[in-house]
Amino acid sequence: MKRIFAAVVALGVAFAFAQSSSAQTGTELAGADLFVIPQRTTAPGGMVVVLRSALSKCTDPVTSKGFVAPIEFTHQNADGSWIGIGEVIGTPGSYAASTTCEGKNVTRTFTAAAAR
């Protein structure tokens, strides 16, 4: 059930990502949108989505101490962008997620927050 929900969320987020990035040029995109984690907050033990644009040069999996395993960009959208889906560890906290883009380490943050 978690995977189905994550896939539905990923498709919706990917559509929004594609819409926002399609208006940008490659130069603008290369700086800010090498890869994104659209769900900045998720539940411990929940699913997380990572995205990269078609113009992104990110090639490695996204790794984090907050992920159960590295996340590969495995699903390509019609616009050429890529999605990866993974699982967050069960410990609440803020975590950094990193990958290599154009030979440089790029990091984004997300939070695994306990339900209130």
PDB file of N, CA and C in Angstrom:
ATOM      1  N   MET A   1       0.821  -1.185   0.000  1.00  0.00           N
ATOM      2  CA  MET A   1       0.000   0.000   0.000  1.00  0.00           C
ATOM      3  C   MET A   1       0.871   1.258   0.000  1.00  0.00           C
ATOM      4  N   LYS A   2       1.973   1.206   0.789  1.00  0.00           N
ATOM      5  CA  LYS A   2       2.868   2.360   0.829  1.00  0.00           C
ATOM      6  C   LYS A   2       3.421   2.671  -0.556  1.00  0.00           C
ATOM      7  N   ARG A   3       3.800   1.634  -1.305  1.00  0.00           N
ATOM      8  CA  ARG A   3       4.378   1.821  -2.636  1.00  0.00           C
ATOM      9  C   ARG A   3       3.366   2.438  -3.596  1.00  0.00           C
ATOM     10  N   ILE A   4       2.110   1.990  -3.509  1.00  0.00           N
ATOM     11  CA  ILE A   4       1.074   2.551  -4.378  1.00  0.00           C
ATOM     12  C   ILE A   4       0.877   4.024  -4.061  1.00  0.00           C
ATOM     13  N   PHE A   5       0.787   4.345  -2.774  1.00  0.00           N
ATOM     14  CA  PHE A   5       0.618   5.736  -2.375  1.00  0.00           C
ATOM     15  C   PHE A   5       1.809   6.570  -2.838  1.00  0.00           C
ATOM     16  N   ALA A   6       3.015   6.053  -2.629  1.00  0.00           N
ATOM     17  CA  ALA A   6       4.225   6.778  -3.035  1.00  0.00           C
ATOM     18  C   ALA A   6       4.252   6.991  -4.542  1.00  0.00           C
ATOM     19  N   ALA A   7       3.812   5.994  -5.293  1.00  0.00           N
ATOM     20  CA  ALA A   7       3.800   6.129  -6.756  1.00  0.00           C
ATOM     21  C   ALA A   7       2.814   7.202  -7.188  1.00  0.00           C
ATOM     22  N   VAL A   8       1.650   7.253  -6.552  1.00  0.00           N
ATOM     23  CA  VAL A   8       0.662   8.285  -6.880  1.00  0.00           C
ATOM     24  C   VAL A   8       1.209   9.666  -6.533  1.00  0.00           C
ATOM     25  N   VAL A   9       1.815   9.780  -5.354  1.00  0.00           N
ATOM     26  CA  VAL A   9       2.425  11.055  -4.950  1.00  0.00           C
ATOM     27  C   VAL A   9       3.530  11.434  -5.926  1.00  0.00           C
ATOM     28  N   ALA A  10       4.358  10.466  -6.306  1.00  0.00           N
ATOM     29  CA  ALA A  10       5.471  10.729  -7.216  1.00  0.00           C
ATOM     30  C   ALA A  10       4.977  11.249  -8.556  1.00  0.00           C
ATOM     31  N   LEU A  11       3.913  10.666  -9.063  1.00  0.00           N
ATOM     32  CA  LEU A  11       3.381  11.134 -10.344  1.00  0.00           C
ATOM     33  C   LEU A  11       2.873  12.557 -10.251  1.00  0.00           C
ATOM     34  N   GLY A  12       2.171  12.861  -9.170  1.00  0.00           N
ATOM     35  CA  GLY A  12       1.669  14.234  -8.988  1.00  0.00           C
ATOM     36  C   GLY A  12       2.802  15.228  -8.838  1.00  0.00           C
ATOM     37  N   VAL A  13       3.789  14.864  -8.034  1.00  0.00           N
ATOM     38  CA  VAL A  13       4.936  15.746  -7.822  1.00  0.00           C
ATOM     39  C   VAL A  13       5.737  15.896  -9.110  1.00  0.00           C
ATOM     40  N   ALA A  14       5.892  14.807  -9.837  1.00  0.00           N
ATOM     41  CA  ALA A  14       6.640  14.856 -11.093  1.00  0.00           C
ATOM     42  C   ALA A  14       5.957  15.783 -12.083  1.00  0.00           C
ATOM     43  N   PHE A  15       4.642  15.748 -12.117  1.00  0.00           N
ATOM     44  CA  PHE A  15       3.919  16.641 -13.015  1.00  0.00           C
ATOM     45  C   PHE A  15       4.182  18.093 -12.641  1.00  0.00           C
ATOM     46  N   ALA A  16       4.103  18.396 -11.346  1.00  0.00           N
ATOM     47  CA  ALA A  16       4.364  19.768 -10.891  1.00  0.00           C
ATOM     48  C   ALA A  16       5.801  20.163 -11.182  1.00  0.00           C
ATOM     49  N   PHE A  17       6.744  19.243 -10.965  1.00  0.00           N
ATOM     50  CA  PHE A  17       8.161  19.488 -11.221  1.00  0.00           C
ATOM     51  C   PHE A  17       8.383  19.769 -12.705  1.00  0.00           C
ATOM     52  N   ALA A  18       7.748  18.980 -13.546  1.00  0.00           N
ATOM     53  CA  ALA A  18       7.899  19.146 -14.994  1.00  0.00           C
ATOM     54  C   ALA A  18       7.344  20.489 -15.435  1.00  0.00           C
ATOM     55  N   GLN A  19       6.214  20.870 -14.870  1.00  0.00           N
ATOM     56  CA  GLN A  19       5.608  22.141 -15.237  1.00  0.00           C
ATOM     57  C   GLN A  19       6.490  23.314 -14.834  1.00  0.00           C
ATOM     58  N   SER A  20       7.068  23.254 -13.635  1.00  0.00           N
ATOM     59  CA  SER A  20       7.901  24.368 -13.176  1.00  0.00           C
ATOM     60  C   SER A  20       9.233  24.412 -13.897  1.00  0.00           C
ATOM     61  N   SER A  21       9.792  23.269 -14.237  1.00  0.00           N
ATOM     62  CA  SER A  21      11.108  23.265 -14.865  1.00  0.00           C
ATOM     63  C   SER A  21      11.039  23.490 -16.370  1.00  0.00           C
ATOM     64  N   SER A  22       9.888  23.240 -16.982  1.00  0.00           N
ATOM     65  CA  SER A  22       9.806  23.399 -18.433  1.00  0.00           C
ATOM     66  C   SER A  22       9.910  24.858 -18.856  1.00  0.00           C
ATOM     67  N   ALA A  23       9.634  25.773 -17.944  1.00  0.00           N
ATOM     68  CA  ALA A  23       9.715  27.196 -18.277  1.00  0.00           C
ATOM     69  C   ALA A  23      11.120  27.742 -18.091  1.00  0.00           C
ATOM     70  N   GLN A  24      12.033  26.959 -17.545  1.00  0.00           N
ATOM     71  CA  GLN A  24      13.383  27.427 -17.275  1.00  0.00           C
ATOM     72  C   GLN A  24      14.335  26.973 -18.370  1.00  0.00           C
ATOM     73  N   THR A  25      15.409  27.711 -18.497  1.00  0.00           N
ATOM     74  CA  THR A  25      16.439  27.318 -19.454  1.00  0.00           C
ATOM     75  C   THR A  25      17.400  26.350 -18.788  1.00  0.00           C
ATOM     76  N   GLY A  26      18.238  25.722 -19.553  1.00  0.00           N
ATOM     77  CA  GLY A  26      19.215  24.793 -19.011  1.00  0.00           C
ATOM     78  C   GLY A  26      20.156  25.441 -18.018  1.00  0.00           C
ATOM     79  N   THR A  27      20.518  26.699 -18.224  1.00  0.00           N
ATOM     80  CA  THR A  27      21.424  27.381 -17.308  1.00  0.00           C
ATOM     81  C   THR A  27      20.779  27.568 -15.955  1.00  0.00           C
ATOM     82  N   GLU A  28      19.519  28.012 -15.918  1.00  0.00           N
ATOM     83  CA  GLU A  28      18.833  28.211 -14.649  1.00  0.00           C
ATOM     84  C   GLU A  28      18.627  26.882 -13.943  1.00  0.00           C
ATOM     85  N   LEU A  29      18.290  25.879 -14.707  1.00  0.00           N
ATOM     86  CA  LEU A  29      17.987  24.580 -14.144  1.00  0.00           C
ATOM     87  C   LEU A  29      19.213  23.937 -13.531  1.00  0.00           C
ATOM     88  N   ALA A  30      20.353  24.128 -14.126  1.00  0.00           N
ATOM     89  CA  ALA A  30      21.571  23.480 -13.656  1.00  0.00           C
ATOM     90  C   ALA A  30      21.925  23.902 -12.238  1.00  0.00           C
ATOM     91  N   GLY A  31      21.593  25.123 -11.840  1.00  0.00           N
ATOM     92  CA  GLY A  31      21.952  25.580 -10.505  1.00  0.00           C
ATOM     93  C   GLY A  31      21.056  25.037  -9.422  1.00  0.00           C
ATOM     94  N   ALA A  32      19.762  25.260  -9.514  1.00  0.00           N
ATOM     95  CA  ALA A  32      18.859  24.971  -8.414  1.00  0.00           C
ATOM     96  C   ALA A  32      18.200  23.604  -8.484  1.00  0.00           C
ATOM     97  N   ASP A  33      17.996  23.051  -9.635  1.00  0.00           N
ATOM     98  CA  ASP A  33      17.180  21.853  -9.754  1.00  0.00           C
ATOM     99  C   ASP A  33      17.954  20.628 -10.244  1.00  0.00           C
ATOM    100  N   LEU A  34      19.171  20.462  -9.779  1.00  0.00           N
ATOM    101  CA  LEU A  34      19.920  19.272 -10.159  1.00  0.00           C
ATOM    102  C   LEU A  34      19.180  18.030  -9.680  1.00  0.00           C
ATOM    103  N   PHE A  35      18.691  18.092  -8.452  1.00  0.00           N
ATOM    104  CA  PHE A  35      17.763  17.087  -7.951  1.00  0.00           C
ATOM    105  C   PHE A  35      16.998  17.709  -6.790  1.00  0.00           C
ATOM    106  N   VAL A  36      15.792  17.243  -6.559  1.00  0.00           N
ATOM    107  CA  VAL A  36      14.962  17.789  -5.490  1.00  0.00           C
ATOM    108  C   VAL A  36      14.313  16.657  -4.702  1.00  0.00           C
ATOM    109  N   ILE A  37      13.975  16.990  -3.458  1.00  0.00           N
ATOM    110  CA  ILE A  37      13.158  16.125  -2.613  1.00  0.00           C
ATOM    111  C   ILE A  37      11.893  16.931  -2.342  1.00  0.00           C
ATOM    112  N   PRO A  38      10.840  16.713  -3.123  1.00  0.00           N
ATOM    113  CA  PRO A  38       9.654  17.553  -2.999  1.00  0.00           C
ATOM    114  C   PRO A  38       8.940  17.437  -1.658  1.00  0.00           C
ATOM    115  N   GLN A  39       8.975  16.260  -1.023  1.00  0.00           N
ATOM    116  CA  GLN A  39       8.382  16.086   0.297  1.00  0.00           C
ATOM    117  C   GLN A  39       9.442  16.466   1.317  1.00  0.00           C
ATOM    118  N   ARG A  40       9.482  17.682   1.743  1.00  0.00           N
ATOM    119  CA  ARG A  40      10.521  18.102   2.684  1.00  0.00           C
ATOM    120  C   ARG A  40      10.333  17.460   4.053  1.00  0.00           C
ATOM    121  N   THR A  41       9.101  17.018   4.369  1.00  0.00           N
ATOM    122  CA  THR A  41       8.822  16.328   5.625  1.00  0.00           C
ATOM    123  C   THR A  41       8.056  15.055   5.313  1.00  0.00           C
ATOM    124  N   THR A  42       8.469  13.967   5.944  1.00  0.00           N
ATOM    125  CA  THR A  42       7.804  12.682   5.776  1.00  0.00           C
ATOM    126  C   THR A  42       7.763  11.980   7.122  1.00  0.00           C
ATOM    127  N   ALA A  43       6.971  10.952   7.224  1.00  0.00           N
ATOM    128  CA  ALA A  43       6.879  10.191   8.470  1.00  0.00           C
ATOM    129  C   ALA A  43       8.064   9.231   8.580  1.00  0.00           C
ATOM    130  N   PRO A  44       8.576   9.023   9.790  1.00  0.00           N
ATOM    131  CA  PRO A  44       9.614   8.003   9.957  1.00  0.00           C
ATOM    132  C   PRO A  44       9.079   6.665   9.457  1.00  0.00           C
ATOM    133  N   GLY A  45       9.877   5.966   8.688  1.00  0.00           N
ATOM    134  CA  GLY A  45       9.449   4.695   8.120  1.00  0.00           C
ATOM    135  C   GLY A  45       8.586   4.846   6.880  1.00  0.00           C
ATOM    136  N   GLY A  46       8.338   6.082   6.459  1.00  0.00           N
ATOM    137  CA  GLY A  46       7.511   6.342   5.279  1.00  0.00           C
ATOM    138  C   GLY A  46       8.313   6.318   3.991  1.00  0.00           C
ATOM    139  N   MET A  47       7.640   6.640   2.919  1.00  0.00           N
ATOM    140  CA  MET A  47       8.268   6.667   1.602  1.00  0.00           C
ATOM    141  C   MET A  47       8.729   8.083   1.282  1.00  0.00           C
ATOM    142  N   VAL A  48       9.755   8.187   0.458  1.00  0.00           N
ATOM    143  CA  VAL A  48      10.265   9.481   0.012  1.00  0.00           C
ATOM    144  C   VAL A  48      10.527   9.401  -1.486  1.00  0.00           C
ATOM    145  N   VAL A  49      10.315  10.532  -2.156  1.00  0.00           N
ATOM    146  CA  VAL A  49      10.506  10.632  -3.596  1.00  0.00           C
ATOM    147  C   VAL A  49      11.651  11.597  -3.866  1.00  0.00           C
ATOM    148  N   VAL A  50      12.535  11.266  -4.798  1.00  0.00           N
ATOM    149  CA  VAL A  50      13.570  12.183  -5.274  1.00  0.00           C
ATOM    150  C   VAL A  50      13.359  12.370  -6.770  1.00  0.00           C
ATOM    151  N   LEU A  51      13.614  13.565  -7.256  1.00  0.00           N
ATOM    152  CA  LEU A  51      13.407  13.896  -8.667  1.00  0.00           C
ATOM    153  C   LEU A  51      14.634  14.570  -9.237  1.00  0.00           C
ATOM    154  N   ARG A  52      14.864  14.355 -10.526  1.00  0.00           N
ATOM    155  CA  ARG A  52      15.874  15.135 -11.239  1.00  0.00           C
ATOM    156  C   ARG A  52      15.325  15.457 -12.614  1.00  0.00           C
ATOM    157  N   SER A  53      15.688  16.616 -13.107  1.00  0.00           N
ATOM    158  CA  SER A  53      15.187  17.053 -14.402  1.00  0.00           C
ATOM    159  C   SER A  53      15.881  16.314 -15.542  1.00  0.00           C
ATOM    160  N   ALA A  54      15.336  16.460 -16.716  1.00  0.00           N
ATOM    161  CA  ALA A  54      15.939  15.851 -17.909  1.00  0.00           C
ATOM    162  C   ALA A  54      17.306  16.471 -18.197  1.00  0.00           C
ATOM    163  N   LEU A  55      17.510  17.709 -17.793  1.00  0.00           N
ATOM    164  CA  LEU A  55      18.769  18.409 -18.046  1.00  0.00           C
ATOM    165  C   LEU A  55      19.824  18.159 -16.969  1.00  0.00           C
ATOM    166  N   SER A  56      19.428  17.528 -15.894  1.00  0.00           N
ATOM    167  CA  SER A  56      20.332  17.278 -14.781  1.00  0.00           C
ATOM    168  C   SER A  56      21.434  16.304 -15.183  1.00  0.00           C
ATOM    169  N   LYS A  57      22.608  16.524 -14.652  1.00  0.00           N
ATOM    170  CA  LYS A  57      23.743  15.640 -14.895  1.00  0.00           C
ATOM    171  C   LYS A  57      24.008  14.747 -13.682  1.00  0.00           C
ATOM    172  N   CYS A  58      23.017  14.605 -12.791  1.00  0.00           N
ATOM    173  CA  CYS A  58      23.164  13.727 -11.630  1.00  0.00           C
ATOM    174  C   CYS A  58      23.091  12.285 -12.102  1.00  0.00           C
ATOM    175  N   THR A  59      24.082  11.509 -11.739  1.00  0.00           N
ATOM    176  CA  THR A  59      24.136  10.137 -12.223  1.00  0.00           C
ATOM    177  C   THR A  59      24.137   9.101 -11.117  1.00  0.00           C
ATOM    178  N   ASP A  60      24.623   9.451  -9.944  1.00  0.00           N
ATOM    179  CA  ASP A  60      24.717   8.490  -8.854  1.00  0.00           C
ATOM    180  C   ASP A  60      23.394   8.374  -8.102  1.00  0.00           C
ATOM    181  N   PRO A  61      23.220   7.293  -7.353  1.00  0.00           N
ATOM    182  CA  PRO A  61      22.038   7.197  -6.486  1.00  0.00           C
ATOM    183  C   PRO A  61      22.088   8.293  -5.418  1.00  0.00           C
ATOM    184  N   VAL A  62      20.938   8.623  -4.868  1.00  0.00           N
ATOM    185  CA  VAL A  62      20.860   9.589  -3.775  1.00  0.00           C
ATOM    186  C   VAL A  62      21.026   8.806  -2.477  1.00  0.00           C
ATOM    187  N   THR A  63      21.985   9.222  -1.661  1.00  0.00           N
ATOM    188  CA  THR A  63      22.265   8.520  -0.417  1.00  0.00           C
ATOM    189  C   THR A  63      21.990   9.426   0.779  1.00  0.00           C
ATOM    190  N   SER A  64      21.628   8.801   1.892  1.00  0.00           N
ATOM    191  CA  SER A  64      21.353   9.543   3.119  1.00  0.00           C
ATOM    192  C   SER A  64      21.360   8.580   4.292  1.00  0.00           C
ATOM    193  N   LYS A  65      21.793   9.054   5.453  1.00  0.00           N
ATOM    194  CA  LYS A  65      21.677   8.260   6.675  1.00  0.00           C
ATOM    195  C   LYS A  65      20.200   8.098   7.038  1.00  0.00           C
ATOM    196  N   GLY A  66      19.341   8.938   6.459  1.00  0.00           N
ATOM    197  CA  GLY A  66      17.907   8.868   6.708  1.00  0.00           C
ATOM    198  C   GLY A  66      17.162   7.917   5.783  1.00  0.00           C
ATOM    199  N   PHE A  67      17.844   7.308   4.810  1.00  0.00           N
ATOM    200  CA  PHE A  67      17.224   6.344   3.901  1.00  0.00           C
ATOM    201  C   PHE A  67      17.588   4.923   4.324  1.00  0.00           C
ATOM    202  N   VAL A  68      16.662   4.012   4.124  1.00  0.00           N
ATOM    203  CA  VAL A  68      16.936   2.594   4.374  1.00  0.00           C
ATOM    204  C   VAL A  68      18.019   2.106   3.414  1.00  0.00           C
ATOM    205  N   ALA A  69      17.978   2.577   2.166  1.00  0.00           N
ATOM    206  CA  ALA A  69      18.953   2.212   1.137  1.00  0.00           C
ATOM    207  C   ALA A  69      19.092   3.383   0.165  1.00  0.00           C
ATOM    208  N   PRO A  70      20.195   3.449  -0.593  1.00  0.00           N
ATOM    209  CA  PRO A  70      20.321   4.502  -1.609  1.00  0.00           C
ATOM    210  C   PRO A  70      19.139   4.458  -2.582  1.00  0.00           C
ATOM    211  N   ILE A  71      18.769   5.628  -3.094  1.00  0.00           N
ATOM    212  CA  ILE A  71      17.638   5.716  -4.017  1.00  0.00           C
ATOM    213  C   ILE A  71      18.156   5.983  -5.427  1.00  0.00           C
ATOM    214  N   GLU A  72      17.825   5.095  -6.325  1.00  0.00           N
ATOM    215  CA  GLU A  72      18.180   5.218  -7.746  1.00  0.00           C
ATOM    216  C   GLU A  72      17.074   5.979  -8.475  1.00  0.00           C
ATOM    217  N   PHE A  73      17.442   6.730  -9.490  1.00  0.00           N
ATOM    218  CA  PHE A  73      16.466   7.367 -10.378  1.00  0.00           C
ATOM    219  C   PHE A  73      16.057   6.301 -11.397  1.00  0.00           C
ATOM    220  N   THR A  74      14.940   5.640 -11.157  1.00  0.00           N
ATOM    221  CA  THR A  74      14.573   4.474 -11.959  1.00  0.00           C
ATOM    222  C   THR A  74      13.396   4.674 -12.898  1.00  0.00           C
ATOM    223  N   HIS A  75      12.583   5.691 -12.666  1.00  0.00           N
ATOM    224  CA  HIS A  75      11.373   5.878 -13.469  1.00  0.00           C
ATOM    225  C   HIS A  75      11.496   7.168 -14.274  1.00  0.00           C
ATOM    226  N   GLN A  76      11.470   7.067 -15.591  1.00  0.00           N
ATOM    227  CA  GLN A  76      11.578   8.256 -16.434  1.00  0.00           C
ATOM    228  C   GLN A  76      10.191   8.714 -16.876  1.00  0.00           C
ATOM    229  N   ASN A  77       9.949  10.008 -16.774  1.00  0.00           N
ATOM    230  CA  ASN A  77       8.693  10.609 -17.210  1.00  0.00           C
ATOM    231  C   ASN A  77       8.756  10.957 -18.689  1.00  0.00           C
ATOM    232  N   ALA A  78       7.622  11.260 -19.263  1.00  0.00           N
ATOM    233  CA  ALA A  78       7.542  11.611 -20.681  1.00  0.00           C
ATOM    234  C   ALA A  78       8.377  12.846 -21.014  1.00  0.00           C
ATOM    235  N   ASP A  79       8.547  13.755 -20.052  1.00  0.00           N
ATOM    236  CA  ASP A  79       9.330  14.969 -20.300  1.00  0.00           C
ATOM    237  C   ASP A  79      10.827  14.748 -20.140  1.00  0.00           C
ATOM    238  N   GLY A  80      11.229  13.522 -19.799  1.00  0.00           N
ATOM    239  CA  GLY A  80      12.645  13.212 -19.646  1.00  0.00           C
ATOM    240  C   GLY A  80      13.157  13.308 -18.220  1.00  0.00           C
ATOM    241  N   SER A  81      12.341  13.807 -17.291  1.00  0.00           N
ATOM    242  CA  SER A  81      12.764  13.866 -15.891  1.00  0.00           C
ATOM    243  C   SER A  81      12.730  12.461 -15.293  1.00  0.00           C
ATOM    244  N   TRP A  82      13.405  12.285 -14.172  1.00  0.00           N
ATOM    245  CA  TRP A  82      13.532  10.977 -13.539  1.00  0.00           C
ATOM    246  C   TRP A  82      13.033  11.016 -12.104  1.00  0.00           C
ATOM    247  N   ILE A  83      12.458   9.900 -11.638  1.00  0.00           N
ATOM    248  CA  ILE A  83      11.944   9.760 -10.282  1.00  0.00           C
ATOM    249  C   ILE A  83      12.627   8.564  -9.624  1.00  0.00           C
ATOM    250  N   GLY A  84      12.907   8.708  -8.337  1.00  0.00           N
ATOM    251  CA  GLY A  84      13.350   7.588  -7.515  1.00  0.00           C
ATOM    252  C   GLY A  84      12.481   7.538  -6.272  1.00  0.00           C
ATOM    253  N   ILE A  85      12.150   6.346  -5.813  1.00  0.00           N
ATOM    254  CA  ILE A  85      11.314   6.181  -4.633  1.00  0.00           C
ATOM    255  C   ILE A  85      12.054   5.304  -3.643  1.00  0.00           C
ATOM    256  N   GLY A  86      12.064   5.730  -2.374  1.00  0.00           N
ATOM    257  CA  GLY A  86      12.742   4.959  -1.350  1.00  0.00           C
ATOM    258  C   GLY A  86      12.031   5.050  -0.025  1.00  0.00           C
ATOM    259  N   GLU A  87      12.622   4.413   0.960  1.00  0.00           N
ATOM    260  CA  GLU A  87      12.031   4.366   2.299  1.00  0.00           C
ATOM    261  C   GLU A  87      12.914   5.107   3.294  1.00  0.00           C
ATOM    262  N   VAL A  88      12.257   5.851   4.186  1.00  0.00           N
ATOM    263  CA  VAL A  88      12.945   6.598   5.234  1.00  0.00           C
ATOM    264  C   VAL A  88      13.097   5.688   6.454  1.00  0.00           C
ATOM    265  N   ILE A  89      14.197   5.843   7.187  1.00  0.00           N
ATOM    266  CA  ILE A  89      14.390   5.043   8.399  1.00  0.00           C
ATOM    267  C   ILE A  89      13.338   5.425   9.446  1.00  0.00           C
ATOM    268  N   GLY A  90      13.219   4.631  10.480  1.00  0.00           N
ATOM    269  CA  GLY A  90      12.187   4.845  11.483  1.00  0.00           C
ATOM    270  C   GLY A  90      12.520   5.853  12.561  1.00  0.00           C
ATOM    271  N   THR A  91      13.682   6.480  12.510  1.00  0.00           N
ATOM    272  CA  THR A  91      14.106   7.430  13.533  1.00  0.00           C
ATOM    273  C   THR A  91      13.819   8.868  13.098  1.00  0.00           C
ATOM    274  N   PRO A  92      12.991   9.601  13.866  1.00  0.00           N
ATOM    275  CA  PRO A  92      12.722  10.999  13.523  1.00  0.00           C
ATOM    276  C   PRO A  92      14.008  11.831  13.540  1.00  0.00           C
ATOM    277  N   GLY A  93      14.049  12.866  12.706  1.00  0.00           N
ATOM    278  CA  GLY A  93      15.190  13.771  12.668  1.00  0.00           C
ATOM    279  C   GLY A  93      15.315  14.454  11.321  1.00  0.00           C
ATOM    280  N   SER A  94      16.268  15.363  11.226  1.00  0.00           N
ATOM    281  CA  SER A  94      16.578  16.031   9.960  1.00  0.00           C
ATOM    282  C   SER A  94      17.774  15.332   9.345  1.00  0.00           C
ATOM    283  N   TYR A  95      17.715  15.112   8.043  1.00  0.00           N
ATOM    284  CA  TYR A  95      18.750  14.356   7.354  1.00  0.00           C
ATOM    285  C   TYR A  95      19.173  15.065   6.071  1.00  0.00           C
ATOM    286  N   ALA A  96      20.425  14.865   5.698  1.00  0.00           N
ATOM    287  CA  ALA A  96      20.945  15.342   4.416  1.00  0.00           C
ATOM    288  C   ALA A  96      20.904  14.182   3.432  1.00  0.00           C
ATOM    289  N   ALA A  97      20.568  14.482   2.187  1.00  0.00           N
ATOM    290  CA  ALA A  97      20.585  13.496   1.107  1.00  0.00           C
ATOM    291  C   ALA A  97      21.487  14.046   0.017  1.00  0.00           C
ATOM    292  N   SER A  98      22.391  13.224  -0.505  1.00  0.00           N
ATOM    293  CA  SER A  98      23.391  13.707  -1.455  1.00  0.00           C
ATOM    294  C   SER A  98      23.513  12.804  -2.670  1.00  0.00           C
ATOM    295  N   THR A  99      23.945  13.414  -3.767  1.00  0.00           N
ATOM    296  CA  THR A  99      24.313  12.688  -4.970  1.00  0.00           C
ATOM    297  C   THR A  99      25.388  13.494  -5.688  1.00  0.00           C
ATOM    298  N   THR A 100      25.957  12.920  -6.714  1.00  0.00           N
ATOM    299  CA  THR A 100      26.983  13.608  -7.498  1.00  0.00           C
ATOM    300  C   THR A 100      26.358  14.125  -8.779  1.00  0.00           C
ATOM    301  N   CYS A 101      26.535  15.415  -9.019  1.00  0.00           N
ATOM    302  CA  CYS A 101      26.008  16.065 -10.214  1.00  0.00           C
ATOM    303  C   CYS A 101      27.137  16.853 -10.864  1.00  0.00           C
ATOM    304  N   GLU A 102      27.452  16.516 -12.103  1.00  0.00           N
ATOM    305  CA  GLU A 102      28.529  17.177 -12.840  1.00  0.00           C
ATOM    306  C   GLU A 102      29.833  17.171 -12.047  1.00  0.00           C
ATOM    307  N   GLY A 103      30.102  16.048 -11.370  1.00  0.00           N
ATOM    308  CA  GLY A 103      31.334  15.894 -10.617  1.00  0.00           C
ATOM    309  C   GLY A 103      31.348  16.564  -9.259  1.00  0.00           C
ATOM    310  N   LYS A 104      30.218  17.154  -8.837  1.00  0.00           N
ATOM    311  CA  LYS A 104      30.165  17.838  -7.551  1.00  0.00           C
ATOM    312  C   LYS A 104      29.121  17.183  -6.659  1.00  0.00           C
ATOM    313  N   ASN A 105      29.409  17.173  -5.361  1.00  0.00           N
ATOM    314  CA  ASN A 105      28.458  16.655  -4.396  1.00  0.00           C
ATOM    315  C   ASN A 105      27.352  17.694  -4.201  1.00  0.00           C
ATOM    316  N   VAL A 106      26.097  17.277  -4.376  1.00  0.00           N
ATOM    317  CA  VAL A 106      24.949  18.158  -4.186  1.00  0.00           C
ATOM    318  C   VAL A 106      24.096  17.562  -3.073  1.00  0.00           C
ATOM    319  N   THR A 107      23.717  18.402  -2.113  1.00  0.00           N
ATOM    320  CA  THR A 107      22.990  17.930  -0.940  1.00  0.00           C
ATOM    321  C   THR A 107      21.665  18.674  -0.786  1.00  0.00           C
ATOM    322  N   ARG A 108      20.643  17.938  -0.409  1.00  0.00           N
ATOM    323  CA  ARG A 108      19.343  18.485  -0.068  1.00  0.00           C
ATOM    324  C   ARG A 108      18.988  17.937   1.315  1.00  0.00           C
ATOM    325  N   THR A 109      18.081  18.593   2.025  1.00  0.00           N
ATOM    326  CA  THR A 109      17.689  18.121   3.348  1.00  0.00           C
ATOM    327  C   THR A 109      16.203  17.761   3.368  1.00  0.00           C
ATOM    328  N   PHE A 110      15.873  16.879   4.293  1.00  0.00           N
ATOM    329  CA  PHE A 110      14.483  16.516   4.535  1.00  0.00           C
ATOM    330  C   PHE A 110      14.357  16.151   6.009  1.00  0.00           C
ATOM    331  N   THR A 111      13.119  16.071   6.481  1.00  0.00           N
ATOM    332  CA  THR A 111      12.866  15.770   7.885  1.00  0.00           C
ATOM    333  C   THR A 111      11.931  14.571   7.993  1.00  0.00           C
ATOM    334  N   ALA A 112      12.278  13.663   8.879  1.00  0.00           N
ATOM    335  CA  ALA A 112      11.387  12.569   9.259  1.00  0.00           C
ATOM    336  C   ALA A 112      10.780  13.006  10.597  1.00  0.00           C
ATOM    337  N   ALA A 113       9.510  13.382  10.562  1.00  0.00           N
ATOM    338  CA  ALA A 113       8.863  13.946  11.747  1.00  0.00           C
ATOM    339  C   ALA A 113       7.799  13.000  12.283  1.00  0.00           C
ATOM    340  N   ALA A 114       7.815  12.790  13.596  1.00  0.00           N
ATOM    341  CA  ALA A 114       6.811  11.946  14.233  1.00  0.00           C
ATOM    342  C   ALA A 114       5.448  12.624  14.127  1.00  0.00           C
ATOM    343  N   ALA A 115       4.405  11.811  14.019  1.00  0.00           N
ATOM    344  CA  ALA A 115       3.035  12.345  13.937  1.00  0.00           C
ATOM    345  C   ALA A 115       2.716  13.114  15.206  1.00  0.00           C
ATOM    346  N   ARG A 116       1.955  14.197  15.042  1.00  0.00           N
ATOM    347  CA  ARG A 116       1.581  15.025  16.203  1.00  0.00           C
ATOM    348  C   ARG A 116       0.226  14.645  16.699  1.00  0.00           C
TER     349      ARG A 116
END
